[in-house]
Amino acid sequence: MATVVLRANESQDQLLKRFRKKVVKSGVLSTVRRKRWFVSKSELRRVEKKKAIRRIKRRQIEH
């Protein structure tokens, strides 16, 4: 769980910005989004394979 402590002379906006950075860095939101719905192992493999193919094609186009 991400926690931040208000520093001396720190505004609420700065505190919120630090908190958001910490949450993104910890990966909490991506985990929640991924686990929102159940995905079978076969579906997961299919999606990962599709991503890998896209990644390979993108690398070939760049070079």
PDB file of N, CA and C in Angstrom:
ATOM      1  N   MET A   1       0.835  -1.181   0.000  1.00  0.00           N
ATOM      2  CA  MET A   1       0.000   0.000   0.000  1.00  0.00           C
ATOM      3  C   MET A   1       0.885   1.251   0.000  1.00  0.00           C
ATOM      4  N   ALA A   2       0.573   2.179  -0.856  1.00  0.00           N
ATOM      5  CA  ALA A   2       1.375   3.391  -0.989  1.00  0.00           C
ATOM      6  C   ALA A   2       0.936   4.423   0.048  1.00  0.00           C
ATOM      7  N   THR A   3       1.896   4.952   0.774  1.00  0.00           N
ATOM      8  CA  THR A   3       1.599   6.002   1.744  1.00  0.00           C
ATOM      9  C   THR A   3       2.602   7.129   1.571  1.00  0.00           C
ATOM     10  N   VAL A   4       2.138   8.342   1.808  1.00  0.00           N
ATOM     11  CA  VAL A   4       3.008   9.515   1.770  1.00  0.00           C
ATOM     12  C   VAL A   4       2.716  10.371   2.998  1.00  0.00           C
ATOM     13  N   VAL A   5       3.737  11.036   3.491  1.00  0.00           N
ATOM     14  CA  VAL A   5       3.596  11.904   4.654  1.00  0.00           C
ATOM     15  C   VAL A   5       3.804  13.342   4.194  1.00  0.00           C
ATOM     16  N   LEU A   6       2.946  14.217   4.677  1.00  0.00           N
ATOM     17  CA  LEU A   6       3.032  15.626   4.310  1.00  0.00           C
ATOM     18  C   LEU A   6       4.338  16.215   4.837  1.00  0.00           C
ATOM     19  N   ARG A   7       5.134  16.760   3.956  1.00  0.00           N
ATOM     20  CA  ARG A   7       6.408  17.374   4.326  1.00  0.00           C
ATOM     21  C   ARG A   7       6.167  18.828   4.744  1.00  0.00           C
ATOM     22  N   ALA A   8       7.144  19.391   5.421  1.00  0.00           N
ATOM     23  CA  ALA A   8       7.045  20.795   5.826  1.00  0.00           C
ATOM     24  C   ALA A   8       6.982  21.681   4.587  1.00  0.00           C
ATOM     25  N   ASN A   9       6.101  22.647   4.608  1.00  0.00           N
ATOM     26  CA  ASN A   9       5.919  23.611   3.509  1.00  0.00           C
ATOM     27  C   ASN A   9       5.564  22.929   2.187  1.00  0.00           C
ATOM     28  N   GLU A  10       4.864  21.802   2.216  1.00  0.00           N
ATOM     29  CA  GLU A  10       4.455  21.116   0.984  1.00  0.00           C
ATOM     30  C   GLU A  10       2.963  21.328   0.774  1.00  0.00           C
ATOM     31  N   SER A  11       2.591  21.713  -0.434  1.00  0.00           N
ATOM     32  CA  SER A  11       1.173  21.938  -0.721  1.00  0.00           C
ATOM     33  C   SER A  11       0.461  20.604  -0.928  1.00  0.00           C
ATOM     34  N   GLN A  12      -0.853  20.666  -0.883  1.00  0.00           N
ATOM     35  CA  GLN A  12      -1.666  19.469  -1.085  1.00  0.00           C
ATOM     36  C   GLN A  12      -1.483  18.917  -2.501  1.00  0.00           C
ATOM     37  N   ASP A  13      -1.310  19.821  -3.466  1.00  0.00           N
ATOM     38  CA  ASP A  13      -1.101  19.391  -4.853  1.00  0.00           C
ATOM     39  C   ASP A  13       0.196  18.603  -5.002  1.00  0.00           C
ATOM     40  N   GLN A  14       1.258  19.077  -4.358  1.00  0.00           N
ATOM     41  CA  GLN A  14       2.536  18.376  -4.433  1.00  0.00           C
ATOM     42  C   GLN A  14       2.446  17.015  -3.757  1.00  0.00           C
ATOM     43  N   LEU A  15       1.737  16.971  -2.636  1.00  0.00           N
ATOM     44  CA  LEU A  15       1.549  15.720  -1.915  1.00  0.00           C
ATOM     45  C   LEU A  15       0.794  14.715  -2.784  1.00  0.00           C
ATOM     46  N   LEU A  16      -0.272  15.178  -3.424  1.00  0.00           N
ATOM     47  CA  LEU A  16      -1.072  14.314  -4.289  1.00  0.00           C
ATOM     48  C   LEU A  16      -0.257  13.814  -5.476  1.00  0.00           C
ATOM     49  N   LYS A  17       0.572  14.688  -6.041  1.00  0.00           N
ATOM     50  CA  LYS A  17       1.419  14.310  -7.169  1.00  0.00           C
ATOM     51  C   LYS A  17       2.408  13.219  -6.763  1.00  0.00           C
ATOM     52  N   ARG A  18       3.011  13.371  -5.576  1.00  0.00           N
ATOM     53  CA  ARG A  18       3.934  12.358  -5.068  1.00  0.00           C
ATOM     54  C   ARG A  18       3.223  11.026  -4.833  1.00  0.00           C
ATOM     55  N   PHE A  19       2.005  11.108  -4.295  1.00  0.00           N
ATOM     56  CA  PHE A  19       1.228   9.892  -4.036  1.00  0.00           C
ATOM     57  C   PHE A  19       0.910   9.164  -5.341  1.00  0.00           C
ATOM     58  N   ARG A  20       0.479   9.911  -6.341  1.00  0.00           N
ATOM     59  CA  ARG A  20       0.151   9.293  -7.635  1.00  0.00           C
ATOM     60  C   ARG A  20       1.366   8.613  -8.255  1.00  0.00           C
ATOM     61  N   LYS A  21       2.523   9.261  -8.183  1.00  0.00           N
ATOM     62  CA  LYS A  21       3.752   8.671  -8.710  1.00  0.00           C
ATOM     63  C   LYS A  21       4.065   7.362  -8.001  1.00  0.00           C
ATOM     64  N   LYS A  22       3.888   7.365  -6.682  1.00  0.00           N
ATOM     65  CA  LYS A  22       4.180   6.183  -5.888  1.00  0.00           C
ATOM     66  C   LYS A  22       3.231   5.033  -6.257  1.00  0.00           C
ATOM     67  N   VAL A  23       1.966   5.355  -6.466  1.00  0.00           N
ATOM     68  CA  VAL A  23       0.977   4.339  -6.839  1.00  0.00           C
ATOM     69  C   VAL A  23       1.315   3.747  -8.202  1.00  0.00           C
ATOM     70  N   VAL A  24       1.666   4.594  -9.159  1.00  0.00           N
ATOM     71  CA  VAL A  24       2.016   4.114 -10.499  1.00  0.00           C
ATOM     72  C   VAL A  24       3.260   3.236 -10.440  1.00  0.00           C
ATOM     73  N   LYS A  25       4.255   3.672  -9.676  1.00  0.00           N
ATOM     74  CA  LYS A  25       5.501   2.924  -9.573  1.00  0.00           C
ATOM     75  C   LYS A  25       5.292   1.564  -8.910  1.00  0.00           C
ATOM     76  N   SER A  26       4.374   1.496  -7.939  1.00  0.00           N
ATOM     77  CA  SER A  26       4.128   0.233  -7.238  1.00  0.00           C
ATOM     78  C   SER A  26       3.353  -0.760  -8.105  1.00  0.00           C
ATOM     79  N   GLY A  27       2.648  -0.277  -9.135  1.00  0.00           N
ATOM     80  CA  GLY A  27       1.917  -1.164 -10.035  1.00  0.00           C
ATOM     81  C   GLY A  27       0.572  -1.618  -9.517  1.00  0.00           C
ATOM     82  N   VAL A  28       0.033  -0.930  -8.516  1.00  0.00           N
ATOM     83  CA  VAL A  28      -1.237  -1.317  -7.916  1.00  0.00           C
ATOM     84  C   VAL A  28      -2.371  -1.223  -8.935  1.00  0.00           C
ATOM     85  N   LEU A  29      -2.442  -0.109  -9.663  1.00  0.00           N
ATOM     86  CA  LEU A  29      -3.549   0.091 -10.601  1.00  0.00           C
ATOM     87  C   LEU A  29      -3.535  -0.917 -11.741  1.00  0.00           C
ATOM     88  N   SER A  30      -2.348  -1.209 -12.268  1.00  0.00           N
ATOM     89  CA  SER A  30      -2.282  -2.180 -13.369  1.00  0.00           C
ATOM     90  C   SER A  30      -2.715  -3.561 -12.888  1.00  0.00           C
ATOM     91  N   THR A  31      -2.373  -3.911 -11.651  1.00  0.00           N
ATOM     92  CA  THR A  31      -2.792  -5.200 -11.089  1.00  0.00           C
ATOM     93  C   THR A  31      -4.298  -5.252 -10.938  1.00  0.00           C
ATOM     94  N   VAL A  32      -4.883  -4.183 -10.448  1.00  0.00           N
ATOM     95  CA  VAL A  32      -6.336  -4.136 -10.263  1.00  0.00           C
ATOM     96  C   VAL A  32      -7.047  -4.254 -11.606  1.00  0.00           C
ATOM     97  N   ARG A  33      -6.545  -3.520 -12.595  1.00  0.00           N
ATOM     98  CA  ARG A  33      -7.175  -3.587 -13.925  1.00  0.00           C
ATOM     99  C   ARG A  33      -7.063  -4.989 -14.513  1.00  0.00           C
ATOM    100  N   ARG A  34      -5.925  -5.634 -14.322  1.00  0.00           N
ATOM    101  CA  ARG A  34      -5.709  -6.965 -14.869  1.00  0.00           C
ATOM    102  C   ARG A  34      -6.594  -7.996 -14.185  1.00  0.00           C
ATOM    103  N   LYS A  35      -6.838  -7.834 -12.898  1.00  0.00           N
ATOM    104  CA  LYS A  35      -7.600  -8.823 -12.143  1.00  0.00           C
ATOM    105  C   LYS A  35      -9.085  -8.514 -12.051  1.00  0.00           C
ATOM    106  N   ARG A  36      -9.524  -7.481 -12.740  1.00  0.00           N
ATOM    107  CA  ARG A  36     -10.934  -7.102 -12.674  1.00  0.00           C
ATOM    108  C   ARG A  36     -11.836  -8.219 -13.207  1.00  0.00           C
ATOM    109  N   TRP A  37     -11.412  -8.866 -14.280  1.00  0.00           N
ATOM    110  CA  TRP A  37     -12.164  -9.969 -14.854  1.00  0.00           C
ATOM    111  C   TRP A  37     -11.287 -11.204 -14.912  1.00  0.00           C
ATOM    112  N   PHE A  38     -11.902 -12.355 -14.798  1.00  0.00           N
ATOM    113  CA  PHE A  38     -11.162 -13.605 -14.894  1.00  0.00           C
ATOM    114  C   PHE A  38     -10.792 -13.863 -16.344  1.00  0.00           C
ATOM    115  N   VAL A  39      -9.544 -14.241 -16.574  1.00  0.00           N
ATOM    116  CA  VAL A  39      -9.078 -14.585 -17.913  1.00  0.00           C
ATOM    117  C   VAL A  39      -8.462 -15.973 -17.821  1.00  0.00           C
ATOM    118  N   SER A  40      -8.959 -16.891 -18.646  1.00  0.00           N
ATOM    119  CA  SER A  40      -8.447 -18.258 -18.611  1.00  0.00           C
ATOM    120  C   SER A  40      -7.002 -18.287 -19.097  1.00  0.00           C
ATOM    121  N   LYS A  41      -6.302 -19.362 -18.756  1.00  0.00           N
ATOM    122  CA  LYS A  41      -4.893 -19.468 -19.140  1.00  0.00           C
ATOM    123  C   LYS A  41      -4.725 -19.514 -20.651  1.00  0.00           C
ATOM    124  N   SER A  42      -5.644 -20.182 -21.333  1.00  0.00           N
ATOM    125  CA  SER A  42      -5.534 -20.260 -22.789  1.00  0.00           C
ATOM    126  C   SER A  42      -5.731 -18.875 -23.418  1.00  0.00           C
ATOM    127  N   GLU A  43      -6.673 -18.114 -22.874  1.00  0.00           N
ATOM    128  CA  GLU A  43      -6.907 -16.757 -23.366  1.00  0.00           C
ATOM    129  C   GLU A  43      -5.688 -15.880 -23.087  1.00  0.00           C
ATOM    130  N   LEU A  44      -5.104 -16.036 -21.916  1.00  0.00           N
ATOM    131  CA  LEU A  44      -3.925 -15.268 -21.552  1.00  0.00           C
ATOM    132  C   LEU A  44      -2.761 -15.575 -22.490  1.00  0.00           C
ATOM    133  N   ARG A  45      -2.554 -16.850 -22.813  1.00  0.00           N
ATOM    134  CA  ARG A  45      -1.493 -17.235 -23.742  1.00  0.00           C
ATOM    135  C   ARG A  45      -1.731 -16.647 -25.125  1.00  0.00           C
ATOM    136  N   ARG A  46      -2.989 -16.667 -25.557  1.00  0.00           N
ATOM    137  CA  ARG A  46      -3.330 -16.128 -26.871  1.00  0.00           C
ATOM    138  C   ARG A  46      -3.041 -14.630 -26.931  1.00  0.00           C
ATOM    139  N   VAL A  47      -3.408 -13.909 -25.886  1.00  0.00           N
ATOM    140  CA  VAL A  47      -3.175 -12.464 -25.845  1.00  0.00           C
ATOM    141  C   VAL A  47      -1.681 -12.159 -25.811  1.00  0.00           C
ATOM    142  N   GLU A  48      -0.923 -12.907 -24.999  1.00  0.00           N
ATOM    143  CA  GLU A  48       0.521 -12.689 -24.916  1.00  0.00           C
ATOM    144  C   GLU A  48       1.199 -12.971 -26.256  1.00  0.00           C
ATOM    145  N   LYS A  49       0.750 -13.994 -26.958  1.00  0.00           N
ATOM    146  CA  LYS A  49       1.313 -14.319 -28.263  1.00  0.00           C
ATOM    147  C   LYS A  49       1.034 -13.191 -29.257  1.00  0.00           C
ATOM    148  N   LYS A  50      -0.179 -12.663 -29.197  1.00  0.00           N
ATOM    149  CA  LYS A  50      -0.566 -11.565 -30.078  1.00  0.00           C
ATOM    150  C   LYS A  50       0.291 -10.328 -29.804  1.00  0.00           C
ATOM    151  N   LYS A  51       0.535 -10.038 -28.525  1.00  0.00           N
ATOM    152  CA  LYS A  51       1.381  -8.906 -28.161  1.00  0.00           C
ATOM    153  C   LYS A  51       2.800  -9.099 -28.670  1.00  0.00           C
ATOM    154  N   ALA A  52       3.325 -10.321 -28.543  1.00  0.00           N
ATOM    155  CA  ALA A  52       4.686 -10.610 -28.984  1.00  0.00           C
ATOM    156  C   ALA A  52       4.814 -10.409 -30.487  1.00  0.00           C
ATOM    157  N   ILE A  53       3.830 -10.863 -31.239  1.00  0.00           N
ATOM    158  CA  ILE A  53       3.852 -10.700 -32.698  1.00  0.00           C
ATOM    159  C   ILE A  53       3.851  -9.224 -33.067  1.00  0.00           C
ATOM    160  N   ARG A  54       2.997  -8.432 -32.394  1.00  0.00           N
ATOM    161  CA  ARG A  54       2.949  -6.990 -32.650  1.00  0.00           C
ATOM    162  C   ARG A  54       4.282  -6.332 -32.325  1.00  0.00           C
ATOM    163  N   ARG A  55       4.887  -6.744 -31.213  1.00  0.00           N
ATOM    164  CA  ARG A  55       6.169  -6.182 -30.786  1.00  0.00           C
ATOM    165  C   ARG A  55       7.257  -6.491 -31.813  1.00  0.00           C
ATOM    166  N   ILE A  56       7.280  -7.726 -32.303  1.00  0.00           N
ATOM    167  CA  ILE A  56       8.285  -8.140 -33.297  1.00  0.00           C
ATOM    168  C   ILE A  56       8.100  -7.352 -34.594  1.00  0.00           C
ATOM    169  N   LYS A  57       6.860  -7.203 -35.042  1.00  0.00           N
ATOM    170  CA  LYS A  57       6.594  -6.449 -36.269  1.00  0.00           C
ATOM    171  C   LYS A  57       7.019  -4.992 -36.124  1.00  0.00           C
ATOM    172  N   ARG A  58       6.744  -4.423 -34.955  1.00  0.00           N
ATOM    173  CA  ARG A  58       7.102  -3.020 -34.716  1.00  0.00           C
ATOM    174  C   ARG A  58       8.614  -2.846 -34.762  1.00  0.00           C
ATOM    175  N   ARG A  59       9.355  -3.797 -34.190  1.00  0.00           N
ATOM    176  CA  ARG A  59      10.814  -3.720 -34.209  1.00  0.00           C
ATOM    177  C   ARG A  59      11.366  -3.853 -35.623  1.00  0.00           C
ATOM    178  N   GLN A  60      10.739  -4.668 -36.444  1.00  0.00           N
ATOM    179  CA  GLN A  60      11.211  -4.855 -37.822  1.00  0.00           C
ATOM    180  C   GLN A  60      10.974  -3.591 -38.629  1.00  0.00           C
ATOM    181  N   ILE A  61       9.881  -2.910 -38.376  1.00  0.00           N
ATOM    182  CA  ILE A  61       9.575  -1.675 -39.111  1.00  0.00           C
ATOM    183  C   ILE A  61      10.547  -0.575 -38.726  1.00  0.00           C
ATOM    184  N   GLU A  62      10.930  -0.492 -37.445  1.00  0.00           N
ATOM    185  CA  GLU A  62      11.831   0.548 -36.981  1.00  0.00           C
ATOM    186  C   GLU A  62      13.231   0.401 -37.572  1.00  0.00           C
ATOM    187  N   HIS A  63      13.686  -0.823 -37.791  1.00  0.00           N
ATOM    188  CA  HIS A  63      15.067  -1.032 -38.252  1.00  0.00           C
ATOM    189  C   HIS A  63      15.140  -1.350 -39.690  1.00  0.00           C
TER     190      HIS A  63
END
